Amino acid sequence: MIDENLQKPPSDHPDEKKTINFGSKPKEPAISPELIELKESVKTIMDSIRNLEDRMTSLDKKTNVIENNLLLIKNKLSTETKSLHSKTLENEKQIDLIKKSIVEVASDMKNFARIEEVETIKKYIDFLQPLNFATKNEVLEIIKENTK
């Protein structure tokens, strides 16, 4: 049963004859050159977009690698900075100890005899020649020998 109230789609041309093709493909409508050119332009644009997307993905990966490397370098530098800071503090403590030692040596040097004092004592020793002095026992022996 066919509904006679159904409307048929309007035809572009009223004189156009409808043909039914049994077992064969219907002919494709002719495509205008402007449409072919537009299709090629769209294809070129799509290829360019895919290319740009690939480049963006590649740049994103490279950026992530660079960020990770920068983080590693930052952490390494932070560790080295902390190490250098602790070594600097240790060196400052050692310098303070050396300064204290120098101050002690300088104060001890004040108690040493000066060159002039040593030369004066040397002159007295050379003049008196204490090695030529006789000991008490030697003097007593000499006296005993002479009193005999």
N, C-alpha and C. Protein backbone atom coordinates (compact mmCIF):
# COMPACT_ATOMS: atom_id res chain seq x y z
N MET A 1 0.82 -1.16 0.00
CA MET A 1 0.00 0.00 0.00
C MET A 1 0.87 1.23 0.00
N ILE A 2 0.65 2.04 -0.95
CA ILE A 2 1.43 3.26 -1.10
C ILE A 2 0.55 4.41 -0.71
N ASP A 3 1.11 5.23 0.13
CA ASP A 3 0.35 6.38 0.59
C ASP A 3 0.41 7.44 -0.49
N GLU A 4 -0.71 7.81 -1.03
CA GLU A 4 -0.76 8.77 -2.10
C GLU A 4 -0.61 10.19 -1.59
N ASN A 5 -0.72 10.36 -0.31
CA ASN A 5 -0.60 11.69 0.28
C ASN A 5 0.87 12.11 0.42
N LEU A 6 1.80 11.15 0.31
CA LEU A 6 3.22 11.48 0.43
C LEU A 6 3.64 12.31 -0.75
N GLN A 7 4.45 13.29 -0.45
CA GLN A 7 4.91 14.15 -1.54
C GLN A 7 6.26 13.67 -2.01
N LYS A 8 6.51 13.87 -3.27
CA LYS A 8 7.80 13.53 -3.85
C LYS A 8 8.70 14.73 -3.71
N PRO A 9 10.00 14.50 -3.56
CA PRO A 9 10.92 15.64 -3.47
C PRO A 9 10.87 16.44 -4.75
N PRO A 10 10.98 17.73 -4.62
CA PRO A 10 10.89 18.55 -5.83
C PRO A 10 12.09 18.29 -6.74
N SER A 11 11.86 18.32 -7.99
CA SER A 11 12.90 18.09 -8.97
C SER A 11 13.50 19.42 -9.37
N ASP A 12 14.84 19.40 -9.65
CA ASP A 12 15.52 20.62 -10.05
C ASP A 12 15.01 21.08 -11.42
N HIS A 13 14.84 20.14 -12.27
CA HIS A 13 14.37 20.46 -13.61
C HIS A 13 13.05 19.74 -13.86
N PRO A 14 12.06 20.48 -14.27
CA PRO A 14 10.76 19.84 -14.48
C PRO A 14 10.77 18.91 -15.69
N ASP A 15 11.66 19.11 -16.64
CA ASP A 15 11.68 18.29 -17.84
C ASP A 15 12.57 17.07 -17.66
N GLU A 16 13.25 16.96 -16.54
CA GLU A 16 14.23 15.89 -16.33
C GLU A 16 13.52 14.56 -16.24
N LYS A 17 14.07 13.61 -16.92
CA LYS A 17 13.50 12.28 -16.89
C LYS A 17 14.24 11.47 -15.85
N LYS A 18 13.51 10.70 -15.10
CA LYS A 18 14.12 9.85 -14.11
C LYS A 18 14.32 8.50 -14.74
N THR A 19 15.54 8.01 -14.58
CA THR A 19 15.82 6.68 -15.10
C THR A 19 16.23 5.79 -13.95
N ILE A 20 15.87 4.60 -14.05
CA ILE A 20 16.23 3.62 -13.02
C ILE A 20 17.30 2.73 -13.60
N ASN A 21 18.42 2.63 -12.86
CA ASN A 21 19.52 1.78 -13.30
C ASN A 21 19.49 0.51 -12.47
N PHE A 22 19.30 -0.59 -13.13
CA PHE A 22 19.30 -1.86 -12.43
C PHE A 22 20.66 -2.50 -12.57
N GLY A 23 21.33 -2.75 -11.40
CA GLY A 23 22.60 -3.46 -11.41
C GLY A 23 23.80 -2.61 -11.78
N SER A 24 23.64 -1.39 -12.06
CA SER A 24 24.79 -0.55 -12.37
C SER A 24 24.81 0.64 -11.41
N LYS A 25 26.00 1.20 -11.27
CA LYS A 25 26.16 2.34 -10.37
C LYS A 25 25.62 3.59 -11.02
N PRO A 26 25.00 4.42 -10.20
CA PRO A 26 24.54 5.68 -10.79
C PRO A 26 25.74 6.56 -11.12
N LYS A 27 25.60 7.35 -12.10
CA LYS A 27 26.69 8.24 -12.51
C LYS A 27 26.86 9.32 -11.45
N GLU A 28 28.16 9.59 -11.16
CA GLU A 28 28.44 10.65 -10.20
C GLU A 28 28.23 11.98 -10.89
N PRO A 29 27.70 12.90 -10.15
CA PRO A 29 27.48 14.20 -10.78
C PRO A 29 28.83 14.85 -11.08
N ALA A 30 28.87 15.64 -12.08
CA ALA A 30 30.11 16.32 -12.48
C ALA A 30 30.48 17.35 -11.41
N ILE A 31 31.80 17.34 -11.02
CA ILE A 31 32.28 18.26 -9.99
C ILE A 31 32.91 19.45 -10.69
N SER A 32 32.55 20.61 -10.22
CA SER A 32 33.05 21.82 -10.86
C SER A 32 34.54 22.01 -10.51
N PRO A 33 35.31 22.69 -11.35
CA PRO A 33 36.74 22.91 -11.11
C PRO A 33 36.99 23.72 -9.84
N GLU A 34 36.08 24.62 -9.50
CA GLU A 34 36.26 25.40 -8.29
C GLU A 34 36.17 24.51 -7.06
N LEU A 35 35.25 23.54 -7.10
CA LEU A 35 35.09 22.60 -6.00
C LEU A 35 36.31 21.70 -5.88
N ILE A 36 36.87 21.26 -7.01
CA ILE A 36 38.08 20.44 -7.00
C ILE A 36 39.24 21.25 -6.41
N GLU A 37 39.35 22.49 -6.81
CA GLU A 37 40.42 23.36 -6.29
C GLU A 37 40.25 23.58 -4.78
N LEU A 38 39.01 23.77 -4.35
CA LEU A 38 38.72 23.96 -2.93
C LEU A 38 39.08 22.69 -2.14
N LYS A 39 38.73 21.54 -2.71
CA LYS A 39 39.04 20.26 -2.08
C LYS A 39 40.55 20.10 -1.92
N GLU A 40 41.32 20.42 -2.94
CA GLU A 40 42.78 20.34 -2.88
C GLU A 40 43.35 21.32 -1.85
N SER A 41 42.75 22.51 -1.77
CA SER A 41 43.20 23.50 -0.79
C SER A 41 42.95 23.00 0.64
N VAL A 42 41.77 22.41 0.84
CA VAL A 42 41.43 21.87 2.16
C VAL A 42 42.39 20.74 2.51
N LYS A 43 42.70 19.88 1.55
CA LYS A 43 43.63 18.77 1.78
C LYS A 43 45.01 19.32 2.14
N THR A 44 45.46 20.34 1.42
CA THR A 44 46.77 20.95 1.71
C THR A 44 46.77 21.57 3.10
N ILE A 45 45.69 22.24 3.44
CA ILE A 45 45.59 22.86 4.77
C ILE A 45 45.59 21.78 5.86
N MET A 46 44.87 20.71 5.65
CA MET A 46 44.81 19.61 6.63
C MET A 46 46.19 18.98 6.81
N ASP A 47 46.90 18.80 5.67
CA ASP A 47 48.27 18.26 5.77
C ASP A 47 49.16 19.21 6.57
N SER A 48 49.03 20.49 6.31
CA SER A 48 49.81 21.49 7.05
C SER A 48 49.47 21.46 8.53
N ILE A 49 48.18 21.31 8.85
CA ILE A 49 47.75 21.25 10.26
C ILE A 49 48.34 20.01 10.93
N ARG A 50 48.28 18.85 10.25
CA ARG A 50 48.87 17.64 10.81
C ARG A 50 50.37 17.81 11.03
N ASN A 51 51.03 18.43 10.07
CA ASN A 51 52.47 18.69 10.19
C ASN A 51 52.75 19.59 11.40
N LEU A 52 51.95 20.65 11.54
CA LEU A 52 52.11 21.55 12.68
C LEU A 52 51.83 20.84 14.00
N GLU A 53 50.81 19.97 14.00
CA GLU A 53 50.52 19.20 15.22
C GLU A 53 51.71 18.31 15.59
N ASP A 54 52.31 17.67 14.57
CA ASP A 54 53.48 16.82 14.83
C ASP A 54 54.64 17.65 15.39
N ARG A 55 54.83 18.81 14.80
CA ARG A 55 55.90 19.69 15.29
C ARG A 55 55.62 20.14 16.72
N MET A 56 54.37 20.48 17.00
CA MET A 56 54.00 20.91 18.35
C MET A 56 54.22 19.78 19.36
N THR A 57 53.87 18.57 18.97
CA THR A 57 54.08 17.41 19.85
C THR A 57 55.57 17.23 20.10
N SER A 58 56.35 17.33 19.04
CA SER A 58 57.80 17.20 19.17
C SER A 58 58.38 18.29 20.07
N LEU A 59 57.93 19.53 19.86
CA LEU A 59 58.41 20.64 20.69
C LEU A 59 57.97 20.47 22.14
N ASP A 60 56.77 19.95 22.34
CA ASP A 60 56.28 19.71 23.70
C ASP A 60 57.16 18.67 24.40
N LYS A 61 57.50 17.61 23.69
CA LYS A 61 58.38 16.59 24.27
C LYS A 61 59.75 17.18 24.60
N LYS A 62 60.29 17.96 23.67
CA LYS A 62 61.60 18.59 23.91
C LYS A 62 61.53 19.55 25.08
N THR A 63 60.44 20.29 25.17
CA THR A 63 60.27 21.23 26.29
C THR A 63 60.23 20.47 27.62
N ASN A 64 59.52 19.35 27.64
CA ASN A 64 59.46 18.54 28.86
C ASN A 64 60.84 18.02 29.24
N VAL A 65 61.61 17.58 28.25
CA VAL A 65 62.97 17.10 28.52
C VAL A 65 63.82 18.24 29.09
N ILE A 66 63.71 19.41 28.49
CA ILE A 66 64.48 20.57 28.96
C ILE A 66 64.06 20.94 30.38
N GLU A 67 62.76 20.93 30.66
CA GLU A 67 62.28 21.24 32.00
C GLU A 67 62.83 20.25 33.02
N ASN A 68 62.79 18.97 32.66
CA ASN A 68 63.32 17.95 33.57
C ASN A 68 64.82 18.15 33.80
N ASN A 69 65.54 18.44 32.73
CA ASN A 69 66.98 18.68 32.86
C ASN A 69 67.25 19.89 33.74
N LEU A 70 66.47 20.94 33.56
CA LEU A 70 66.64 22.14 34.38
C LEU A 70 66.37 21.84 35.86
N LEU A 71 65.35 21.04 36.13
CA LEU A 71 65.06 20.66 37.50
C LEU A 71 66.21 19.85 38.11
N LEU A 72 66.76 18.93 37.32
CA LEU A 72 67.90 18.14 37.80
C LEU A 72 69.10 19.03 38.09
N ILE A 73 69.35 19.96 37.18
CA ILE A 73 70.48 20.89 37.36
C ILE A 73 70.25 21.76 38.57
N LYS A 74 69.01 22.23 38.74
CA LYS A 74 68.68 23.08 39.90
C LYS A 74 68.92 22.31 41.20
N ASN A 75 68.45 21.07 41.25
CA ASN A 75 68.65 20.26 42.45
C ASN A 75 70.13 20.01 42.72
N LYS A 76 70.87 19.73 41.66
CA LYS A 76 72.31 19.49 41.82
C LYS A 76 73.01 20.75 42.31
N LEU A 77 72.67 21.89 41.73
CA LEU A 77 73.27 23.15 42.16
C LEU A 77 72.89 23.49 43.59
N SER A 78 71.66 23.18 43.97
CA SER A 78 71.22 23.42 45.34
C SER A 78 72.03 22.57 46.31
N THR A 79 72.24 21.32 45.96
CA THR A 79 73.05 20.43 46.80
C THR A 79 74.48 20.93 46.90
N GLU A 80 75.05 21.33 45.76
CA GLU A 80 76.42 21.84 45.76
C GLU A 80 76.53 23.13 46.55
N THR A 81 75.51 23.97 46.46
CA THR A 81 75.51 25.23 47.20
C THR A 81 75.50 24.95 48.70
N LYS A 82 74.66 24.02 49.13
CA LYS A 82 74.61 23.65 50.54
C LYS A 82 75.95 23.11 51.00
N SER A 83 76.56 22.27 50.17
CA SER A 83 77.87 21.70 50.51
C SER A 83 78.92 22.80 50.62
N LEU A 84 78.93 23.70 49.66
CA LEU A 84 79.89 24.81 49.70
C LEU A 84 79.65 25.70 50.91
N HIS A 85 78.40 25.91 51.27
CA HIS A 85 78.07 26.74 52.42
C HIS A 85 78.61 26.09 53.70
N SER A 86 78.41 24.78 53.84
CA SER A 86 78.91 24.11 55.04
C SER A 86 80.44 24.12 55.07
N LYS A 87 81.07 23.95 53.92
CA LYS A 87 82.54 24.00 53.86
C LYS A 87 83.04 25.40 54.21
N THR A 88 82.32 26.42 53.75
CA THR A 88 82.69 27.80 54.06
C THR A 88 82.61 28.04 55.56
N LEU A 89 81.53 27.56 56.19
CA LEU A 89 81.40 27.71 57.64
C LEU A 89 82.53 27.00 58.37
N GLU A 90 82.87 25.82 57.91
CA GLU A 90 83.97 25.06 58.51
C GLU A 90 85.30 25.81 58.35
N ASN A 91 85.52 26.36 57.17
CA ASN A 91 86.75 27.13 56.92
C ASN A 91 86.81 28.38 57.80
N GLU A 92 85.66 29.03 57.99
CA GLU A 92 85.63 30.21 58.85
C GLU A 92 85.98 29.85 60.28
N LYS A 93 85.49 28.69 60.75
CA LYS A 93 85.83 28.23 62.10
C LYS A 93 87.34 27.98 62.21
N GLN A 94 87.91 27.35 61.18
CA GLN A 94 89.35 27.08 61.20
C GLN A 94 90.14 28.38 61.17
N ILE A 95 89.68 29.34 60.41
CA ILE A 95 90.37 30.64 60.36
C ILE A 95 90.32 31.31 61.72
N ASP A 96 89.18 31.21 62.41
CA ASP A 96 89.08 31.79 63.76
C ASP A 96 90.06 31.11 64.71
N LEU A 97 90.18 29.78 64.61
CA LEU A 97 91.15 29.07 65.46
C LEU A 97 92.58 29.51 65.16
N ILE A 98 92.89 29.69 63.88
CA ILE A 98 94.23 30.13 63.49
C ILE A 98 94.49 31.53 64.02
N LYS A 99 93.50 32.40 63.94
CA LYS A 99 93.66 33.76 64.47
C LYS A 99 93.94 33.72 65.96
N LYS A 100 93.20 32.89 66.71
CA LYS A 100 93.42 32.78 68.14
C LYS A 100 94.83 32.26 68.43
N SER A 101 95.27 31.29 67.65
CA SER A 101 96.62 30.75 67.83
C SER A 101 97.68 31.82 67.57
N ILE A 102 97.47 32.62 66.54
CA ILE A 102 98.42 33.70 66.22
C ILE A 102 98.47 34.71 67.35
N VAL A 103 97.32 35.04 67.92
CA VAL A 103 97.27 35.99 69.04
C VAL A 103 98.04 35.41 70.23
N GLU A 104 97.86 34.11 70.52
CA GLU A 104 98.58 33.48 71.63
C GLU A 104 100.09 33.49 71.38
N VAL A 105 100.50 33.15 70.17
CA VAL A 105 101.93 33.16 69.85
C VAL A 105 102.49 34.57 69.97
N ALA A 106 101.75 35.54 69.53
CA ALA A 106 102.21 36.93 69.61
C ALA A 106 102.35 37.36 71.07
N SER A 107 101.40 36.95 71.90
CA SER A 107 101.52 37.33 73.32
C SER A 107 102.67 36.59 73.99
N ASP A 108 102.93 35.33 73.58
CA ASP A 108 104.08 34.60 74.12
C ASP A 108 105.39 35.22 73.66
N MET A 109 105.41 35.75 72.47
CA MET A 109 106.64 36.35 71.95
C MET A 109 107.04 37.59 72.73
N LYS A 110 106.07 38.23 73.40
CA LYS A 110 106.40 39.40 74.22
C LYS A 110 107.29 38.99 75.39
N ASN A 111 107.18 37.74 75.81
CA ASN A 111 107.99 37.25 76.93
C ASN A 111 109.38 36.79 76.49
N PHE A 112 109.62 36.68 75.22
CA PHE A 112 110.95 36.28 74.72
C PHE A 112 111.92 37.45 74.87
N ALA A 113 113.21 37.09 74.94
CA ALA A 113 114.24 38.13 75.01
C ALA A 113 114.46 38.70 73.62
N ARG A 114 114.78 39.99 73.62
CA ARG A 114 115.05 40.65 72.34
C ARG A 114 116.50 40.39 71.94
N ILE A 115 116.78 40.64 70.70
CA ILE A 115 118.13 40.42 70.18
C ILE A 115 119.14 41.26 70.96
N GLU A 116 118.80 42.48 71.28
CA GLU A 116 119.72 43.35 72.01
C GLU A 116 120.03 42.77 73.39
N GLU A 117 119.00 42.24 74.04
CA GLU A 117 119.21 41.66 75.36
C GLU A 117 120.11 40.43 75.29
N VAL A 118 119.87 39.59 74.29
CA VAL A 118 120.70 38.39 74.10
C VAL A 118 122.14 38.78 73.82
N GLU A 119 122.38 39.79 73.01
CA GLU A 119 123.74 40.23 72.70
C GLU A 119 124.43 40.79 73.94
N THR A 120 123.69 41.50 74.77
CA THR A 120 124.25 42.03 76.01
C THR A 120 124.69 40.89 76.92
N ILE A 121 123.84 39.88 77.08
CA ILE A 121 124.20 38.73 77.91
C ILE A 121 125.41 38.01 77.33
N LYS A 122 125.46 37.91 76.01
CA LYS A 122 126.60 37.24 75.36
C LYS A 122 127.90 37.99 75.68
N LYS A 123 127.86 39.31 75.64
CA LYS A 123 129.05 40.10 75.95
C LYS A 123 129.53 39.83 77.39
N TYR A 124 128.57 39.78 78.35
CA TYR A 124 128.93 39.49 79.73
C TYR A 124 129.54 38.09 79.86
N ILE A 125 128.97 37.13 79.19
CA ILE A 125 129.48 35.75 79.26
C ILE A 125 130.89 35.71 78.68
N ASP A 126 131.09 36.35 77.52
CA ASP A 126 132.42 36.36 76.91
C ASP A 126 133.43 37.07 77.84
N PHE A 127 133.02 38.12 78.49
CA PHE A 127 133.90 38.88 79.36
C PHE A 127 134.26 38.08 80.62
N LEU A 128 133.27 37.46 81.24
CA LEU A 128 133.49 36.76 82.50
C LEU A 128 134.03 35.35 82.29
N GLN A 129 133.80 34.75 81.22
CA GLN A 129 134.21 33.40 80.89
C GLN A 129 133.93 32.44 82.05
N PRO A 130 132.68 32.14 82.29
CA PRO A 130 132.31 31.31 83.44
C PRO A 130 132.84 29.88 83.35
N LEU A 131 133.21 29.44 82.21
CA LEU A 131 133.76 28.09 82.10
C LEU A 131 135.14 28.00 82.76
N ASN A 132 135.81 29.12 82.89
CA ASN A 132 137.13 29.13 83.51
C ASN A 132 137.04 29.28 85.03
N PHE A 133 135.83 29.44 85.55
CA PHE A 133 135.66 29.55 87.00
C PHE A 133 135.92 28.19 87.64
N ALA A 134 136.39 28.21 88.84
CA ALA A 134 136.63 26.99 89.60
C ALA A 134 135.42 26.71 90.45
N THR A 135 135.14 25.44 90.62
CA THR A 135 134.02 25.06 91.47
C THR A 135 134.48 25.06 92.92
N LYS A 136 133.57 24.96 93.83
CA LYS A 136 133.87 24.97 95.27
C LYS A 136 134.75 23.79 95.64
N ASN A 137 134.50 22.67 95.09
CA ASN A 137 135.30 21.47 95.37
C ASN A 137 136.73 21.64 94.85
N GLU A 138 136.83 22.23 93.67
CA GLU A 138 138.16 22.44 93.12
C GLU A 138 138.95 23.41 94.01
N VAL A 139 138.31 24.42 94.49
CA VAL A 139 138.98 25.40 95.38
C VAL A 139 139.39 24.70 96.68
N LEU A 140 138.54 23.88 97.23
CA LEU A 140 138.86 23.17 98.46
C LEU A 140 140.04 22.21 98.26
N GLU A 141 140.09 21.58 97.14
CA GLU A 141 141.21 20.69 96.85
C GLU A 141 142.52 21.47 96.73
N ILE A 142 142.43 22.58 96.06
CA ILE A 142 143.63 23.41 95.91
C ILE A 142 144.11 23.87 97.31
N ILE A 143 143.22 24.22 98.16
CA ILE A 143 143.59 24.67 99.50
C ILE A 143 144.20 23.50 100.29
N LYS A 144 143.68 22.35 100.19
CA LYS A 144 144.23 21.19 100.86
C LYS A 144 145.64 20.89 100.38
N GLU A 145 145.83 20.97 99.09
CA GLU A 145 147.15 20.69 98.52
C GLU A 145 148.16 21.73 98.99
N ASN A 146 147.76 22.93 99.03
CA ASN A 146 148.68 23.99 99.44
C ASN A 146 148.93 23.96 100.96
N THR A 147 148.08 23.48 101.74
CA THR A 147 148.27 23.43 103.19
C THR A 147 149.04 22.18 103.60
N LYS A 148 149.30 21.34 102.87
CA LYS A 148 150.07 20.16 103.21
C LYS A 148 151.48 20.45 103.30
